[in-house]
Amino acid sequence: MIRILTAKDTPSLIERKTVRLEEAERVVSPILAAVRERGDVALLEYARKFDGFDGASVRLEICGDLQPLFARAVETAAQNIREYAEAQLPREWFTDFPDGRRLGQIVRPLDAMGAYVPAGRYPLPSTLLMTVIPAQVAGVATTCVACPNPSPEIMGIAQWLGVTHMFRMGGAQAIAALAYGTETVPKVDRIVGPGNIYVAAAKKLIAGETGIDFVAGPTEIVIIAADGDPRWIAADLLAQAEHDVDASAILLTTSSSLADAVAKEIDRQLLTLPTAAVARPSIESNGAIVVLDSLEQAVEVSNALAPEHLALHDGSLLAKIRHAGAVFVGASSPESAGDYASGPNHVLPTSGAARLRGGLSAADFVKVIAVQELSREGLRKLTPAITALARAEGLEAHARSAEIRNE
């Protein structure tokens, strides 16, 4: 049974379990070092040890077919993901100012990206779409996909998308190979995609040398609803809970009757849910229904949680939301739509990281580069400010480099 709590219990939700990476970092650190130093030799050793790999090379021939019904679903999802990614891209612009400054920005893609596609309890072909399509929209030339055990659907999508390189590798060794490069695996500029705690720890350790999206923890959803169909809300909570026993699914409501009805509906739906072995412990350990005095109070709790997914049954609350990875407005907008086919990305910040950024986007795969061009008169007007600031910092050559052009 899911817990039903009140306002006084909300601090315990906000002080939720954080991702414990220290132990995982100790495990993965020597793996990263070994792959960096010994390349393919170390990569193959770890692939055989952890992934059950028995081949001579982790490189895969990219080939596969999509069954007609699945192909139509992929085409629909891909079109929507691509359209949304195109709208996200920063634009180039230039402006001429009357004082002689021509300023602007150019946008250039990264050379290469790496996508980590999990294939443990649940192979995730949708993650392949969500990670590769935004990179392609951004103009990234080299797309590398790491997957420890790709399903036929994953291989078929890789073929359909035109992925550049596909590798059967997982865990920290895959992150190391993508970050540092090996004889077989190209070095990439950014690694994206979800994974287990060892993948998260590896991404944290290589960040700075190679770009990453974020260090992800267990998935989570918060639903704010004063009323609604208990069946729908229960289904949405269970949809998150079935990911992982550590997943978090929380309903914030002002209605005690709705809280009771949703709790009963969760128990009823669990009886026939094929993934109940995962969803039930998740609901019992990390799930909660919180009865609050007002929707404003619910928004305050949600902003403190900064959830990965936030469902608002009342769209008027959107203006008050400050922190969320993705927002789903209205009762007809289930989180599962965003996971697969509505367009926005499902690679999202967890564990409160939504305070800092939103989800993966096409903008993660480009560099926005400032451009400036000054006329002689423009530089002359700026020189007093340049020289005063430079000399205040003790940087005389900076000052002279502007002054000499005005002689």
Protein backbone atom coordinates (compact mmCIF):
# COMPACT_ATOMS: atom_id res chain seq x y z
CA MET A 1 0.00 0.00 0.00
CA ILE A 2 1.26 3.46 -0.87
CA ARG A 3 1.75 5.85 2.05
CA ILE A 4 -0.76 8.66 2.56
CA LEU A 5 0.97 11.60 4.24
CA THR A 6 0.15 15.15 5.32
CA ALA A 7 1.97 18.48 5.13
CA LYS A 8 4.03 17.78 8.25
CA ASP A 9 5.60 14.79 6.48
CA THR A 10 6.85 16.69 3.43
CA PRO A 11 10.36 17.40 4.83
CA SER A 12 11.04 13.67 4.75
CA LEU A 13 10.18 13.62 1.03
CA ILE A 14 12.39 16.59 0.25
CA GLU A 15 15.27 15.00 2.17
CA ARG A 16 14.99 12.00 -0.11
CA LYS A 17 17.66 9.48 -0.83
CA THR A 18 20.46 10.96 -2.89
CA VAL A 19 22.50 9.07 -5.43
CA ARG A 20 25.32 7.38 -3.52
CA LEU A 21 28.18 7.53 -5.98
CA GLU A 22 31.23 7.34 -3.73
CA GLU A 23 31.41 3.55 -3.60
CA ALA A 24 30.60 3.25 -7.30
CA GLU A 25 33.34 5.77 -8.11
CA ARG A 26 35.88 3.61 -6.29
CA VAL A 27 34.77 0.63 -8.37
CA VAL A 28 34.85 2.38 -11.74
CA SER A 29 37.96 4.53 -11.30
CA PRO A 30 40.43 1.68 -12.08
CA ILE A 31 38.25 0.64 -15.04
CA LEU A 32 38.48 4.14 -16.51
CA ALA A 33 42.25 4.20 -15.96
CA ALA A 34 42.75 0.77 -17.54
CA VAL A 35 40.78 1.59 -20.68
CA ARG A 36 42.57 4.92 -20.97
CA GLU A 37 45.98 3.24 -20.72
CA ARG A 38 45.40 -0.04 -22.57
CA GLY A 39 42.58 0.78 -24.98
CA ASP A 40 40.89 -2.15 -26.70
CA VAL A 41 42.73 -4.76 -24.64
CA ALA A 42 41.23 -3.48 -21.39
CA LEU A 43 37.87 -2.75 -23.01
CA LEU A 44 37.55 -6.35 -24.19
CA GLU A 45 38.61 -7.70 -20.79
CA TYR A 46 35.84 -5.79 -19.04
CA ALA A 47 33.29 -6.52 -21.78
CA ARG A 48 33.92 -10.25 -21.28
CA LYS A 49 33.84 -9.94 -17.50
CA PHE A 50 30.72 -7.76 -17.11
CA ASP A 51 28.74 -8.01 -20.35
CA GLY A 52 29.21 -11.69 -21.22
CA PHE A 53 30.89 -10.63 -24.46
CA ASP A 54 32.73 -13.37 -26.37
CA GLY A 55 33.64 -11.72 -29.66
CA ALA A 56 36.91 -10.35 -31.03
CA SER A 57 35.71 -6.74 -31.35
CA VAL A 58 32.98 -4.67 -29.71
CA ARG A 59 32.20 -3.04 -33.05
CA LEU A 60 28.85 -4.13 -34.46
CA GLU A 61 27.71 -4.19 -38.04
CA ILE A 62 24.74 -1.86 -38.09
CA CYS A 63 21.95 -3.80 -39.70
CA GLY A 64 18.41 -4.72 -38.82
CA ASP A 65 14.78 -4.46 -39.82
CA LEU A 66 11.75 -2.97 -38.12
CA GLN A 67 8.46 -4.81 -38.03
CA PRO A 68 5.75 -2.78 -39.82
CA LEU A 69 3.70 -1.83 -36.74
CA PHE A 70 6.82 -0.92 -34.77
CA ALA A 71 8.26 0.95 -37.77
CA ARG A 72 5.17 3.16 -37.94
CA ALA A 73 5.50 3.95 -34.22
CA VAL A 74 9.18 4.79 -34.67
CA GLU A 75 8.44 7.06 -37.63
CA THR A 76 5.79 8.97 -35.66
CA ALA A 77 8.02 9.38 -32.62
CA ALA A 78 11.08 10.32 -34.67
CA GLN A 79 9.23 12.99 -36.63
CA ASN A 80 7.97 14.61 -33.43
CA ILE A 81 11.36 14.38 -31.70
CA ARG A 82 13.05 15.90 -34.74
CA GLU A 83 10.55 18.77 -35.02
CA TYR A 84 10.96 19.66 -31.35
CA ALA A 85 14.77 19.43 -31.54
CA GLU A 86 14.84 21.75 -34.54
CA ALA A 87 12.86 24.33 -32.59
CA GLN A 88 15.37 24.10 -29.71
CA LEU A 89 18.50 24.92 -31.71
CA PRO A 90 20.16 28.28 -30.98
CA ARG A 91 20.16 30.56 -33.99
CA GLU A 92 22.99 32.51 -35.58
CA TRP A 93 22.55 36.28 -35.55
CA PHE A 94 24.45 39.52 -36.18
CA THR A 95 23.59 43.07 -35.18
CA ASP A 96 25.25 46.32 -36.28
CA PHE A 97 25.33 48.92 -33.51
CA PRO A 98 25.59 52.62 -34.39
CA ASP A 99 28.83 53.04 -32.40
CA GLY A 100 30.78 50.81 -34.80
CA ARG A 101 30.33 47.39 -33.17
CA ARG A 102 29.13 44.45 -35.22
CA LEU A 103 28.27 41.65 -32.80
CA GLY A 104 26.73 38.25 -33.16
CA GLN A 105 27.07 34.54 -32.69
CA ILE A 106 27.71 31.52 -34.85
CA VAL A 107 26.51 28.01 -34.02
CA ARG A 108 28.71 25.02 -34.71
CA PRO A 109 28.01 21.34 -34.00
CA LEU A 110 30.22 19.07 -31.95
CA ASP A 111 32.33 16.72 -34.08
CA ALA A 112 31.25 13.48 -32.36
CA MET A 113 28.80 12.30 -29.71
CA GLY A 114 28.28 9.10 -27.77
CA ALA A 115 24.90 7.72 -26.71
CA TYR A 116 24.60 5.16 -23.94
CA VAL A 117 21.52 3.00 -24.49
CA PRO A 118 20.67 0.69 -21.56
CA ALA A 119 19.67 -2.90 -22.22
CA GLY A 120 19.33 -4.46 -18.79
CA ARG A 121 15.91 -5.25 -17.35
CA TYR A 122 14.31 -3.20 -20.11
CA PRO A 123 16.04 -2.56 -23.46
CA LEU A 124 15.26 1.05 -24.39
CA PRO A 125 15.04 1.64 -28.15
CA SER A 126 13.26 4.92 -27.38
CA THR A 127 16.46 6.20 -25.76
CA LEU A 128 18.28 5.65 -29.05
CA LEU A 129 15.78 7.97 -30.73
CA MET A 130 16.00 10.55 -27.95
CA THR A 131 19.80 10.74 -27.94
CA VAL A 132 20.74 10.42 -31.60
CA ILE A 133 18.04 12.52 -33.29
CA PRO A 134 18.87 15.79 -31.45
CA ALA A 135 22.54 15.27 -32.30
CA GLN A 136 21.69 14.73 -35.96
CA VAL A 137 19.51 17.85 -35.95
CA ALA A 138 22.45 19.78 -34.49
CA GLY A 139 24.65 18.57 -37.34
CA VAL A 140 26.94 16.19 -35.42
CA ALA A 141 28.80 14.17 -38.04
CA THR A 142 29.82 11.16 -35.94
CA THR A 143 27.23 9.38 -33.80
CA CYS A 144 28.46 6.51 -31.62
CA VAL A 145 26.09 4.22 -29.74
CA ALA A 146 27.12 1.97 -26.85
CA CYS A 147 24.73 -0.76 -25.78
CA PRO A 148 25.69 -3.85 -23.77
CA ASN A 149 23.08 -6.11 -25.34
CA PRO A 150 21.20 -4.43 -28.18
CA SER A 151 17.77 -5.81 -28.98
CA PRO A 152 16.61 -6.33 -32.58
CA GLU A 153 14.54 -3.14 -32.21
CA ILE A 154 17.61 -1.15 -31.15
CA MET A 155 19.62 -2.48 -34.07
CA GLY A 156 16.78 -1.78 -36.48
CA ILE A 157 16.47 1.83 -35.28
CA ALA A 158 20.24 2.33 -35.50
CA GLN A 159 20.12 1.20 -39.13
CA TRP A 160 17.09 3.35 -39.86
CA LEU A 161 18.64 6.46 -38.27
CA GLY A 162 21.96 6.02 -40.02
CA VAL A 163 24.02 5.79 -36.82
CA THR A 164 27.74 6.06 -37.65
CA HIS A 165 29.17 3.54 -35.15
CA MET A 166 27.57 0.90 -32.92
CA PHE A 167 29.39 -0.92 -30.14
CA ARG A 168 28.36 -3.81 -27.94
CA MET A 169 29.72 -2.51 -24.66
CA GLY A 170 28.24 -1.29 -21.40
CA GLY A 171 29.04 -0.02 -17.95
CA ALA A 172 32.03 2.12 -16.99
CA GLN A 173 34.18 0.54 -19.71
CA ALA A 174 31.83 1.90 -22.39
CA ILE A 175 31.96 5.40 -20.90
CA ALA A 176 35.77 5.19 -20.75
CA ALA A 177 36.05 4.05 -24.36
CA LEU A 178 33.85 6.89 -25.59
CA ALA A 179 35.59 9.46 -23.41
CA TYR A 180 39.20 8.54 -24.19
CA GLY A 181 38.94 6.65 -27.46
CA THR A 182 40.49 3.27 -28.23
CA GLU A 183 41.80 1.60 -31.37
CA THR A 184 38.20 0.69 -32.19
CA VAL A 185 36.06 3.36 -30.51
CA PRO A 186 36.33 7.03 -31.55
CA LYS A 187 36.78 9.64 -28.85
CA VAL A 188 33.62 11.74 -28.58
CA ASP A 189 32.92 15.28 -27.40
CA ARG A 190 29.80 14.57 -25.34
CA ILE A 191 28.32 11.42 -23.79
CA VAL A 192 24.59 11.31 -23.11
CA GLY A 193 21.97 8.84 -21.99
CA PRO A 194 20.88 7.07 -18.80
CA GLY A 195 22.50 4.09 -17.11
CA ASN A 196 23.00 2.35 -13.79
CA ILE A 197 24.94 3.76 -10.86
CA TYR A 198 28.27 2.63 -12.33
CA VAL A 199 27.54 4.41 -15.60
CA ALA A 200 26.54 7.51 -13.61
CA ALA A 201 29.74 7.36 -11.54
CA ALA A 202 31.87 6.95 -14.66
CA LYS A 203 30.20 9.93 -16.33
CA LYS A 204 30.83 12.02 -13.24
CA LEU A 205 34.53 11.12 -13.22
CA ILE A 206 35.15 11.86 -16.90
CA ALA A 207 33.13 15.12 -16.92
CA GLY A 208 35.44 17.99 -17.74
CA GLU A 209 37.56 15.99 -20.15
CA THR A 210 34.45 14.97 -22.08
CA GLY A 211 31.08 16.68 -21.96
CA ILE A 212 28.14 14.85 -20.40
CA ASP A 213 24.44 15.60 -20.08
CA PHE A 214 24.12 15.06 -16.31
CA VAL A 215 24.68 12.45 -13.62
CA ALA A 216 21.33 10.69 -13.40
CA GLY A 217 19.82 8.90 -10.43
CA PRO A 218 16.58 6.91 -10.07
CA THR A 219 13.65 8.15 -12.10
CA GLU A 220 10.86 10.18 -10.45
CA ILE A 221 7.47 11.78 -10.99
CA VAL A 222 5.35 14.28 -9.05
CA ILE A 223 1.67 14.69 -9.90
CA ILE A 224 -0.31 17.71 -8.65
CA ALA A 225 -4.07 17.16 -8.85
CA ALA A 226 -7.03 18.42 -6.83
CA ASP A 227 -9.35 16.05 -8.65
CA GLY A 228 -9.30 13.60 -11.51
CA ASP A 229 -9.85 9.99 -12.47
CA PRO A 230 -8.16 7.78 -9.84
CA ARG A 231 -7.50 5.13 -12.49
CA TRP A 232 -5.51 7.55 -14.62
CA ILE A 233 -3.48 8.91 -11.73
CA ALA A 234 -2.73 5.43 -10.37
CA ALA A 235 -1.62 4.29 -13.83
CA ASP A 236 0.71 7.29 -14.11
CA LEU A 237 2.29 6.59 -10.73
CA LEU A 238 2.78 2.93 -11.59
CA ALA A 239 4.25 3.82 -14.98
CA GLN A 240 7.11 5.49 -13.15
CA ALA A 241 7.39 2.89 -10.39
CA GLU A 242 7.86 0.00 -12.83
CA HIS A 243 11.21 1.43 -14.00
CA ASP A 244 13.15 0.60 -10.86
CA VAL A 245 12.65 -0.36 -7.22
CA ASP A 246 14.34 2.96 -6.37
CA ALA A 247 12.00 5.02 -8.54
CA SER A 248 9.91 7.69 -6.84
CA ALA A 249 6.21 8.33 -7.61
CA ILE A 250 4.41 11.03 -5.61
CA LEU A 251 0.91 12.52 -5.78
CA LEU A 252 0.30 15.92 -4.20
CA THR A 253 -3.40 16.65 -3.71
CA THR A 254 -5.83 18.71 -1.67
CA SER A 255 -8.44 15.95 -1.67
CA SER A 256 -8.51 13.19 0.97
CA SER A 257 -11.11 11.30 -1.02
CA LEU A 258 -8.94 11.38 -4.14
CA ALA A 259 -5.96 10.20 -2.07
CA ASP A 260 -7.90 7.20 -0.78
CA ALA A 261 -9.31 6.36 -4.21
CA VAL A 262 -5.87 6.51 -5.88
CA ALA A 263 -4.30 4.34 -3.18
CA LYS A 264 -6.97 1.68 -3.66
CA GLU A 265 -6.66 1.89 -7.44
CA ILE A 266 -2.88 1.37 -7.25
CA ASP A 267 -3.42 -1.85 -5.29
CA ARG A 268 -6.05 -3.00 -7.78
CA GLN A 269 -3.87 -2.32 -10.83
CA LEU A 270 -0.84 -4.00 -9.25
CA LEU A 271 -2.76 -7.29 -9.20
CA THR A 272 -2.57 -7.53 -12.99
CA LEU A 273 0.57 -5.51 -13.75
CA PRO A 274 3.28 -7.74 -15.30
CA THR A 275 5.99 -5.52 -13.81
CA ALA A 276 4.53 -5.60 -10.30
CA ALA A 277 7.66 -7.29 -8.93
CA VAL A 278 9.46 -3.99 -9.54
CA ALA A 279 6.59 -1.52 -9.21
CA ARG A 280 5.26 -2.78 -5.87
CA PRO A 281 8.47 -2.33 -3.84
CA SER A 282 9.03 1.00 -5.54
CA ILE A 283 5.56 2.22 -4.53
CA GLU A 284 5.86 0.86 -1.00
CA SER A 285 9.35 2.22 -0.33
CA ASN A 286 9.46 5.48 -2.28
CA GLY A 287 5.91 6.28 -3.33
CA ALA A 288 3.62 8.66 -1.45
CA ILE A 289 0.34 10.51 -1.65
CA VAL A 290 0.47 13.79 0.27
CA VAL A 291 -2.73 15.60 1.27
CA LEU A 292 -2.04 19.32 1.49
CA ASP A 293 -4.07 22.40 2.38
CA SER A 294 -3.80 24.13 -1.00
CA LEU A 295 -2.47 23.75 -4.51
CA GLU A 296 -0.08 26.62 -3.78
CA GLN A 297 1.41 24.48 -1.02
CA ALA A 298 1.67 21.59 -3.46
CA VAL A 299 3.61 23.80 -5.88
CA GLU A 300 6.00 24.79 -3.09
CA VAL A 301 6.66 21.13 -2.29
CA SER A 302 7.16 20.31 -5.97
CA ASN A 303 9.59 23.19 -6.47
CA ALA A 304 11.57 21.97 -3.45
CA LEU A 305 11.70 18.46 -4.93
CA ALA A 306 12.60 19.72 -8.45
CA PRO A 307 11.25 16.47 -9.95
CA GLU A 308 12.36 14.86 -13.16
CA HIS A 309 8.74 14.64 -14.37
CA LEU A 310 5.96 16.94 -13.16
CA ALA A 311 2.31 16.39 -14.11
CA LEU A 312 -0.07 19.33 -13.57
CA HIS A 313 -3.74 18.53 -13.93
CA ASP A 314 -4.44 22.27 -13.52
CA GLY A 315 -2.55 24.16 -16.22
CA SER A 316 -2.95 27.49 -14.41
CA LEU A 317 -0.22 26.33 -11.99
CA LEU A 318 2.43 26.30 -14.73
CA ALA A 319 3.36 29.95 -14.16
CA LYS A 320 4.40 29.11 -10.58
CA ILE A 321 6.67 26.19 -11.49
CA ARG A 322 10.37 27.01 -11.15
CA HIS A 323 12.05 23.61 -11.12
CA ALA A 324 11.19 20.51 -13.18
CA GLY A 325 12.87 18.40 -15.82
CA ALA A 326 9.72 18.23 -17.95
CA VAL A 327 6.13 19.32 -17.32
CA PHE A 328 3.00 17.51 -18.51
CA VAL A 329 -0.06 19.77 -18.48
CA GLY A 330 -3.61 18.45 -18.30
CA ALA A 331 -5.11 15.08 -17.51
CA SER A 332 -4.69 13.92 -21.11
CA SER A 333 -0.90 14.37 -21.06
CA PRO A 334 0.56 11.25 -19.44
CA GLU A 335 4.28 11.06 -18.80
CA SER A 336 4.44 8.02 -21.08
CA ALA A 337 3.63 10.29 -24.05
CA GLY A 338 6.84 12.20 -23.36
CA ASP A 339 8.78 9.01 -22.84
CA TYR A 340 8.05 7.92 -26.38
CA ALA A 341 6.35 10.06 -28.93
CA SER A 342 5.18 13.61 -28.18
CA GLY A 343 8.52 15.22 -29.10
CA PRO A 344 10.35 16.61 -26.03
CA ASN A 345 13.27 14.56 -24.80
CA HIS A 346 12.96 11.87 -22.14
CA VAL A 347 16.59 12.13 -21.02
CA LEU A 348 15.97 14.35 -17.99
CA PRO A 349 17.71 15.55 -14.81
CA THR A 350 16.95 13.63 -11.61
CA SER A 351 17.74 13.89 -7.89
CA GLY A 352 17.05 17.63 -7.79
CA ALA A 353 19.30 18.51 -10.75
CA ALA A 354 16.26 20.12 -12.40
CA ARG A 355 17.08 23.14 -10.23
CA LEU A 356 19.97 23.70 -12.64
CA ARG A 357 18.84 22.63 -16.09
CA GLY A 358 16.14 20.99 -18.17
CA GLY A 359 16.35 17.86 -20.27
CA LEU A 360 18.63 16.87 -23.12
CA SER A 361 18.17 19.04 -26.21
CA ALA A 362 19.68 19.75 -29.59
CA ALA A 363 21.43 22.72 -27.94
CA ASP A 364 23.58 20.22 -25.98
CA PHE A 365 25.26 19.22 -29.24
CA VAL A 366 26.33 22.65 -30.49
CA LYS A 367 28.72 25.40 -29.47
CA VAL A 368 27.47 28.99 -29.51
CA ILE A 369 30.51 31.08 -30.45
CA ALA A 370 30.59 34.84 -29.94
CA VAL A 371 31.71 36.97 -32.90
CA GLN A 372 32.75 40.63 -32.76
CA GLU A 373 33.95 43.06 -35.39
CA LEU A 374 34.88 46.67 -34.58
CA SER A 375 35.32 49.55 -36.98
CA ARG A 376 38.25 51.94 -36.42
CA GLU A 377 35.81 54.43 -34.95
CA GLY A 378 34.17 51.76 -32.81
CA LEU A 379 37.52 50.80 -31.29
CA ARG A 380 38.43 54.47 -30.72
CA LYS A 381 35.25 54.99 -28.70
CA LEU A 382 35.88 51.88 -26.62
CA THR A 383 39.57 52.50 -25.96
CA PRO A 384 39.16 54.61 -22.79
CA ALA A 385 37.10 51.83 -21.18
CA ILE A 386 39.48 49.11 -22.38
CA THR A 387 42.62 50.85 -21.11
CA ALA A 388 41.13 51.87 -17.76
CA LEU A 389 39.98 48.34 -17.00
CA ALA A 390 43.21 46.76 -18.27
CA ARG A 391 45.45 49.01 -16.18
CA ALA A 392 43.26 48.46 -13.11
CA GLU A 393 44.16 44.80 -13.51
CA GLY A 394 47.84 45.49 -14.11
CA LEU A 395 47.70 44.24 -17.70
CA GLU A 396 49.57 46.96 -19.55
CA ALA A 397 49.95 45.07 -22.83
CA HIS A 398 46.17 44.77 -23.02
CA ALA A 399 45.86 48.53 -22.78
CA ARG A 400 48.61 49.18 -25.34
CA SER A 401 47.09 46.74 -27.85
CA ALA A 402 44.06 49.04 -28.06
CA GLU A 403 45.96 52.34 -27.84
CA ILE A 404 48.44 51.45 -30.61
CA ARG A 405 45.60 51.17 -33.12
CA ASN A 406 44.57 54.76 -32.41
CA GLU A 407 47.99 56.29 -33.08
